[in-house]
Amino acid sequence: MELDPTTRLNRWVKSAEAKTVHSGRLAIGPRLILGFVFIILSMLAADAIILWQFSVVRTQAMRLNEIDHGQVGS
């Protein structure tokens, strides 16, 4: 005997929910820790990029200053 399409759909939805709920079983504490670690790592990466940009700007400013004073070296 074949199942009603509604019953089959209902079973399919329940099995899909069971699979997706399994991945979200991580407790709130570890999720918060992972979130904060991600935020801190993102901030550190942004700081590193900013420091690199400052060094590039400083080098360019020094070159322009040398050119302005006529002290261009080969």
PDB file of N, CA and C in Angstrom:
ATOM      1  N   MET A   1       0.832  -1.170   0.000  1.00  0.00           N
ATOM      2  CA  MET A   1       0.000   0.000   0.000  1.00  0.00           C
ATOM      3  C   MET A   1       0.884   1.243   0.000  1.00  0.00           C
ATOM      4  N   GLU A   2       0.576   2.151  -0.916  1.00  0.00           N
ATOM      5  CA  GLU A   2       1.373   3.367  -1.054  1.00  0.00           C
ATOM      6  C   GLU A   2       0.915   4.430  -0.065  1.00  0.00           C
ATOM      7  N   LEU A   3       1.887   5.194   0.446  1.00  0.00           N
ATOM      8  CA  LEU A   3       1.573   6.235   1.425  1.00  0.00           C
ATOM      9  C   LEU A   3       0.991   7.466   0.743  1.00  0.00           C
ATOM     10  N   ASP A   4       0.188   8.173   1.490  1.00  0.00           N
ATOM     11  CA  ASP A   4      -0.396   9.431   1.034  1.00  0.00           C
ATOM     12  C   ASP A   4       0.740  10.427   0.783  1.00  0.00           C
ATOM     13  N   PRO A   5       0.677  11.247  -0.273  1.00  0.00           N
ATOM     14  CA  PRO A   5       1.760  12.212  -0.539  1.00  0.00           C
ATOM     15  C   PRO A   5       2.003  13.165   0.636  1.00  0.00           C
ATOM     16  N   THR A   6       0.963  13.497   1.362  1.00  0.00           N
ATOM     17  CA  THR A   6       1.117  14.372   2.522  1.00  0.00           C
ATOM     18  C   THR A   6       1.931  13.680   3.603  1.00  0.00           C
ATOM     19  N   THR A   7       1.679  12.393   3.805  1.00  0.00           N
ATOM     20  CA  THR A   7       2.410  11.628   4.808  1.00  0.00           C
ATOM     21  C   THR A   7       3.883  11.513   4.408  1.00  0.00           C
ATOM     22  N   ARG A   8       4.133  11.278   3.136  1.00  0.00           N
ATOM     23  CA  ARG A   8       5.517  11.183   2.668  1.00  0.00           C
ATOM     24  C   ARG A   8       6.238  12.512   2.840  1.00  0.00           C
ATOM     25  N   LEU A   9       5.549  13.601   2.506  1.00  0.00           N
ATOM     26  CA  LEU A   9       6.154  14.916   2.658  1.00  0.00           C
ATOM     27  C   LEU A   9       6.432  15.213   4.131  1.00  0.00           C
ATOM     28  N   ASN A  10       5.504  14.839   4.989  1.00  0.00           N
ATOM     29  CA  ASN A  10       5.666  15.059   6.421  1.00  0.00           C
ATOM     30  C   ASN A  10       6.868  14.281   6.947  1.00  0.00           C
ATOM     31  N   ARG A  11       7.036  13.043   6.530  1.00  0.00           N
ATOM     32  CA  ARG A  11       8.179  12.235   6.961  1.00  0.00           C
ATOM     33  C   ARG A  11       9.484  12.828   6.438  1.00  0.00           C
ATOM     34  N   TRP A  12       9.463  13.305   5.197  1.00  0.00           N
ATOM     35  CA  TRP A  12      10.655  13.895   4.617  1.00  0.00           C
ATOM     36  C   TRP A  12      11.065  15.156   5.384  1.00  0.00           C
ATOM     37  N   VAL A  13      10.084  15.995   5.732  1.00  0.00           N
ATOM     38  CA  VAL A  13      10.376  17.220   6.479  1.00  0.00           C
ATOM     39  C   VAL A  13      10.940  16.878   7.853  1.00  0.00           C
ATOM     40  N   LYS A  14      10.372  15.880   8.526  1.00  0.00           N
ATOM     41  CA  LYS A  14      10.864  15.496   9.853  1.00  0.00           C
ATOM     42  C   LYS A  14      12.293  14.963   9.773  1.00  0.00           C
ATOM     43  N   SER A  15      12.602  14.187   8.745  1.00  0.00           N
ATOM     44  CA  SER A  15      13.966  13.669   8.624  1.00  0.00           C
ATOM     45  C   SER A  15      14.938  14.804   8.297  1.00  0.00           C
ATOM     46  N   ALA A  16      14.516  15.755   7.482  1.00  0.00           N
ATOM     47  CA  ALA A  16      15.371  16.903   7.166  1.00  0.00           C
ATOM     48  C   ALA A  16      15.609  17.750   8.414  1.00  0.00           C
ATOM     49  N   GLU A  17      14.586  17.937   9.227  1.00  0.00           N
ATOM     50  CA  GLU A  17      14.732  18.692  10.477  1.00  0.00           C
ATOM     51  C   GLU A  17      15.694  17.984  11.422  1.00  0.00           C
ATOM     52  N   ALA A  18      15.609  16.677  11.497  1.00  0.00           N
ATOM     53  CA  ALA A  18      16.484  15.919  12.383  1.00  0.00           C
ATOM     54  C   ALA A  18      17.941  16.073  11.958  1.00  0.00           C
ATOM     55  N   LYS A  19      18.184  16.107  10.657  1.00  0.00           N
ATOM     56  CA  LYS A  19      19.551  16.274  10.173  1.00  0.00           C
ATOM     57  C   LYS A  19      20.078  17.679  10.449  1.00  0.00           C
ATOM     58  N   THR A  20      19.231  18.700  10.282  1.00  0.00           N
ATOM     59  CA  THR A  20      19.698  20.070  10.495  1.00  0.00           C
ATOM     60  C   THR A  20      19.806  20.401  11.977  1.00  0.00           C
ATOM     61  N   VAL A  21      18.959  19.861  12.804  1.00  0.00           N
ATOM     62  CA  VAL A  21      19.020  20.128  14.236  1.00  0.00           C
ATOM     63  C   VAL A  21      20.290  19.524  14.825  1.00  0.00           C
ATOM     64  N   HIS A  22      20.729  18.416  14.269  1.00  0.00           N
ATOM     65  CA  HIS A  22      21.936  17.751  14.776  1.00  0.00           C
ATOM     66  C   HIS A  22      23.152  18.665  14.683  1.00  0.00           C
ATOM     67  N   SER A  23      23.241  19.469  13.616  1.00  0.00           N
ATOM     68  CA  SER A  23      24.398  20.345  13.465  1.00  0.00           C
ATOM     69  C   SER A  23      24.326  21.538  14.406  1.00  0.00           C
ATOM     70  N   GLY A  24      23.166  21.872  14.916  1.00  0.00           N
ATOM     71  CA  GLY A  24      23.024  23.011  15.804  1.00  0.00           C
ATOM     72  C   GLY A  24      22.991  22.641  17.273  1.00  0.00           C
ATOM     73  N   ARG A  25      23.494  21.474  17.629  1.00  0.00           N
ATOM     74  CA  ARG A  25      23.441  21.023  19.025  1.00  0.00           C
ATOM     75  C   ARG A  25      24.566  21.580  19.879  1.00  0.00           C
ATOM     76  N   LEU A  26      25.407  22.422  19.316  1.00  0.00           N
ATOM     77  CA  LEU A  26      26.484  23.028  20.069  1.00  0.00           C
ATOM     78  C   LEU A  26      25.882  23.993  21.080  1.00  0.00           C
ATOM     79  N   ALA A  27      26.270  23.863  22.320  1.00  0.00           N
ATOM     80  CA  ALA A  27      25.702  24.684  23.380  1.00  0.00           C
ATOM     81  C   ALA A  27      26.070  26.152  23.183  1.00  0.00           C
ATOM     82  N   ILE A  28      25.363  27.012  23.901  1.00  0.00           N
ATOM     83  CA  ILE A  28      25.546  28.449  23.724  1.00  0.00           C
ATOM     84  C   ILE A  28      26.947  28.895  24.138  1.00  0.00           C
ATOM     85  N   GLY A  29      27.517  28.300  25.168  1.00  0.00           N
ATOM     86  CA  GLY A  29      28.852  28.689  25.630  1.00  0.00           C
ATOM     87  C   GLY A  29      29.919  28.542  24.563  1.00  0.00           C
ATOM     88  N   PRO A  30      30.068  27.354  23.983  1.00  0.00           N
ATOM     89  CA  PRO A  30      31.067  27.191  22.915  1.00  0.00           C
ATOM     90  C   PRO A  30      30.784  28.069  21.692  1.00  0.00           C
ATOM     91  N   ARG A  31      29.508  28.284  21.372  1.00  0.00           N
ATOM     92  CA  ARG A  31      29.190  29.164  20.243  1.00  0.00           C
ATOM     93  C   ARG A  31      29.620  30.592  20.525  1.00  0.00           C
ATOM     94  N   LEU A  32      29.397  31.060  21.744  1.00  0.00           N
ATOM     95  CA  LEU A  32      29.824  32.407  22.110  1.00  0.00           C
ATOM     96  C   LEU A  32      31.344  32.534  22.065  1.00  0.00           C
ATOM     97  N   ILE A  33      32.029  31.517  22.587  1.00  0.00           N
ATOM     98  CA  ILE A  33      33.494  31.540  22.568  1.00  0.00           C
ATOM     99  C   ILE A  33      34.001  31.594  21.132  1.00  0.00           C
ATOM    100  N   LEU A  34      33.443  30.767  20.249  1.00  0.00           N
ATOM    101  CA  LEU A  34      33.854  30.776  18.846  1.00  0.00           C
ATOM    102  C   LEU A  34      33.571  32.124  18.195  1.00  0.00           C
ATOM    103  N   GLY A  35      32.431  32.702  18.528  1.00  0.00           N
ATOM    104  CA  GLY A  35      32.093  34.016  17.974  1.00  0.00           C
ATOM    105  C   GLY A  35      33.081  35.091  18.406  1.00  0.00           C
ATOM    106  N   PHE A  36      33.410  35.109  19.706  1.00  0.00           N
ATOM    107  CA  PHE A  36      34.357  36.101  20.196  1.00  0.00           C
ATOM    108  C   PHE A  36      35.750  35.876  19.624  1.00  0.00           C
ATOM    109  N   VAL A  37      36.157  34.627  19.490  1.00  0.00           N
ATOM    110  CA  VAL A  37      37.468  34.334  18.898  1.00  0.00           C
ATOM    111  C   VAL A  37      37.501  34.826  17.458  1.00  0.00           C
ATOM    112  N   PHE A  38      36.430  34.609  16.727  1.00  0.00           N
ATOM    113  CA  PHE A  38      36.360  35.075  15.349  1.00  0.00           C
ATOM    114  C   PHE A  38      36.452  36.597  15.283  1.00  0.00           C
ATOM    115  N   ILE A  39      35.747  37.289  16.166  1.00  0.00           N
ATOM    116  CA  ILE A  39      35.786  38.751  16.194  1.00  0.00           C
ATOM    117  C   ILE A  39      37.198  39.241  16.509  1.00  0.00           C
ATOM    118  N   ILE A  40      37.839  38.650  17.507  1.00  0.00           N
ATOM    119  CA  ILE A  40      39.185  39.077  17.896  1.00  0.00           C
ATOM    120  C   ILE A  40      40.178  38.824  16.765  1.00  0.00           C
ATOM    121  N   LEU A  41      40.090  37.663  16.115  1.00  0.00           N
ATOM    122  CA  LEU A  41      40.993  37.378  14.996  1.00  0.00           C
ATOM    123  C   LEU A  41      40.765  38.340  13.832  1.00  0.00           C
ATOM    124  N   SER A  42      39.518  38.696  13.588  1.00  0.00           N
ATOM    125  CA  SER A  42      39.222  39.665  12.528  1.00  0.00           C
ATOM    126  C   SER A  42      39.817  41.026  12.857  1.00  0.00           C
ATOM    127  N   MET A  43      39.715  41.434  14.126  1.00  0.00           N
ATOM    128  CA  MET A  43      40.283  42.712  14.533  1.00  0.00           C
ATOM    129  C   MET A  43      41.801  42.703  14.412  1.00  0.00           C
ATOM    130  N   LEU A  44      42.443  41.609  14.790  1.00  0.00           N
ATOM    131  CA  LEU A  44      43.898  41.514  14.665  1.00  0.00           C
ATOM    132  C   LEU A  44      44.343  41.560  13.202  1.00  0.00           C
ATOM    133  N   ALA A  45      43.598  40.904  12.338  1.00  0.00           N
ATOM    134  CA  ALA A  45      43.922  40.939  10.908  1.00  0.00           C
ATOM    135  C   ALA A  45      43.772  42.360  10.359  1.00  0.00           C
ATOM    136  N   ALA A  46      42.719  43.058  10.768  1.00  0.00           N
ATOM    137  CA  ALA A  46      42.528  44.439  10.319  1.00  0.00           C
ATOM    138  C   ALA A  46      43.652  45.329  10.828  1.00  0.00           C
ATOM    139  N   ASP A  47      44.080  45.138  12.072  1.00  0.00           N
ATOM    140  CA  ASP A  47      45.189  45.924  12.623  1.00  0.00           C
ATOM    141  C   ASP A  47      46.475  45.679  11.842  1.00  0.00           C
ATOM    142  N   ALA A  48      46.734  44.435  11.494  1.00  0.00           N
ATOM    143  CA  ALA A  48      47.935  44.114  10.721  1.00  0.00           C
ATOM    144  C   ALA A  48      47.904  44.804   9.361  1.00  0.00           C
ATOM    145  N   ILE A  49      46.756  44.810   8.724  1.00  0.00           N
ATOM    146  CA  ILE A  49      46.627  45.467   7.420  1.00  0.00           C
ATOM    147  C   ILE A  49      46.841  46.965   7.556  1.00  0.00           C
ATOM    148  N   ILE A  50      46.288  47.561   8.603  1.00  0.00           N
ATOM    149  CA  ILE A  50      46.449  49.000   8.819  1.00  0.00           C
ATOM    150  C   ILE A  50      47.912  49.349   9.065  1.00  0.00           C
ATOM    151  N   LEU A  51      48.609  48.563   9.877  1.00  0.00           N
ATOM    152  CA  LEU A  51      50.031  48.820  10.125  1.00  0.00           C
ATOM    153  C   LEU A  51      50.844  48.711   8.845  1.00  0.00           C
ATOM    154  N   TRP A  52      50.524  47.740   8.024  1.00  0.00           N
ATOM    155  CA  TRP A  52      51.212  47.586   6.740  1.00  0.00           C
ATOM    156  C   TRP A  52      50.965  48.809   5.853  1.00  0.00           C
ATOM    157  N   GLN A  53      49.705  49.281   5.822  1.00  0.00           N
ATOM    158  CA  GLN A  53      49.377  50.465   5.022  1.00  0.00           C
ATOM    159  C   GLN A  53      50.138  51.691   5.522  1.00  0.00           C
ATOM    160  N   PHE A  54      50.260  51.857   6.839  1.00  0.00           N
ATOM    161  CA  PHE A  54      51.011  52.983   7.387  1.00  0.00           C
ATOM    162  C   PHE A  54      52.478  52.928   6.963  1.00  0.00           C
ATOM    163  N   SER A  55      53.056  51.739   6.954  1.00  0.00           N
ATOM    164  CA  SER A  55      54.460  51.633   6.535  1.00  0.00           C
ATOM    165  C   SER A  55      54.615  51.984   5.061  1.00  0.00           C
ATOM    166  N   VAL A  56      53.648  51.592   4.238  1.00  0.00           N
ATOM    167  CA  VAL A  56      53.695  51.935   2.812  1.00  0.00           C
ATOM    168  C   VAL A  56      53.590  53.448   2.642  1.00  0.00           C
ATOM    169  N   VAL A  57      52.676  54.076   3.364  1.00  0.00           N
ATOM    170  CA  VAL A  57      52.499  55.522   3.260  1.00  0.00           C
ATOM    171  C   VAL A  57      53.747  56.245   3.764  1.00  0.00           C
ATOM    172  N   ARG A  58      54.343  55.766   4.857  1.00  0.00           N
ATOM    173  CA  ARG A  58      55.557  56.384   5.390  1.00  0.00           C
ATOM    174  C   ARG A  58      56.688  56.312   4.364  1.00  0.00           C
ATOM    175  N   THR A  59      56.850  55.173   3.702  1.00  0.00           N
ATOM    176  CA  THR A  59      57.893  55.019   2.691  1.00  0.00           C
ATOM    177  C   THR A  59      57.666  55.971   1.522  1.00  0.00           C
ATOM    178  N   GLN A  60      56.414  56.080   1.085  1.00  0.00           N
ATOM    179  CA  GLN A  60      56.104  56.986  -0.024  1.00  0.00           C
ATOM    180  C   GLN A  60      56.323  58.435   0.380  1.00  0.00           C
ATOM    181  N   ALA A  61      55.976  58.790   1.612  1.00  0.00           N
ATOM    182  CA  ALA A  61      56.178  60.157   2.083  1.00  0.00           C
ATOM    183  C   ALA A  61      57.659  60.494   2.151  1.00  0.00           C
ATOM    184  N   MET A  62      58.471  59.553   2.595  1.00  0.00           N
ATOM    185  CA  MET A  62      59.915  59.787   2.657  1.00  0.00           C
ATOM    186  C   MET A  62      60.494  59.984   1.253  1.00  0.00           C
ATOM    187  N   ARG A  63      60.033  59.184   0.296  1.00  0.00           N
ATOM    188  CA  ARG A  63      60.504  59.331  -1.084  1.00  0.00           C
ATOM    189  C   ARG A  63      60.123  60.688  -1.646  1.00  0.00           C
ATOM    190  N   LEU A  64      58.884  61.118  -1.409  1.00  0.00           N
ATOM    191  CA  LEU A  64      58.447  62.419  -1.910  1.00  0.00           C
ATOM    192  C   LEU A  64      59.209  63.555  -1.235  1.00  0.00           C
ATOM    193  N   ASN A  65      59.516  63.391   0.035  1.00  0.00           N
ATOM    194  CA  ASN A  65      60.279  64.396   0.761  1.00  0.00           C
ATOM    195  C   ASN A  65      61.692  64.514   0.186  1.00  0.00           C
ATOM    196  N   GLU A  66      62.308  63.382  -0.131  1.00  0.00           N
ATOM    197  CA  GLU A  66      63.639  63.392  -0.743  1.00  0.00           C
ATOM    198  C   GLU A  66      63.597  64.069  -2.103  1.00  0.00           C
ATOM    199  N   ILE A  67      62.566  63.763  -2.879  1.00  0.00           N
ATOM    200  CA  ILE A  67      62.432  64.375  -4.209  1.00  0.00           C
ATOM    201  C   ILE A  67      62.230  65.877  -4.074  1.00  0.00           C
ATOM    202  N   ASP A  68      61.445  66.296  -3.094  1.00  0.00           N
ATOM    203  CA  ASP A  68      61.151  67.714  -2.880  1.00  0.00           C
ATOM    204  C   ASP A  68      62.417  68.486  -2.502  1.00  0.00           C
ATOM    205  N   HIS A  69      63.299  67.856  -1.750  1.00  0.00           N
ATOM    206  CA  HIS A  69      64.539  68.514  -1.326  1.00  0.00           C
ATOM    207  C   HIS A  69      65.686  68.305  -2.314  1.00  0.00           C
ATOM    208  N   GLY A  70      65.442  67.610  -3.399  1.00  0.00           N
ATOM    209  CA  GLY A  70      66.461  67.404  -4.409  1.00  0.00           C
ATOM    210  C   GLY A  70      67.514  66.399  -4.033  1.00  0.00           C
ATOM    211  N   GLN A  71      67.186  65.460  -3.179  1.00  0.00           N
ATOM    212  CA  GLN A  71      68.151  64.467  -2.724  1.00  0.00           C
ATOM    213  C   GLN A  71      67.846  63.093  -3.303  1.00  0.00           C
ATOM    214  N   VAL A  72      67.571  63.045  -4.557  1.00  0.00           N
ATOM    215  CA  VAL A  72      67.205  61.790  -5.201  1.00  0.00           C
ATOM    216  C   VAL A  72      68.458  60.940  -5.359  1.00  0.00           C
ATOM    217  N   GLY A  73      68.410  59.722  -4.841  1.00  0.00           N
ATOM    218  CA  GLY A  73      69.540  58.801  -4.950  1.00  0.00           C
ATOM    219  C   GLY A  73      69.284  57.780  -6.036  1.00  0.00           C
ATOM    220  N   SER A  74      70.325  57.227  -6.587  1.00  0.00           N
ATOM    221  CA  SER A  74      70.176  56.263  -7.661  1.00  0.00           C
ATOM    222  C   SER A  74      69.873  54.905  -7.132  1.00  0.00           C
TER     223      SER A  74
END
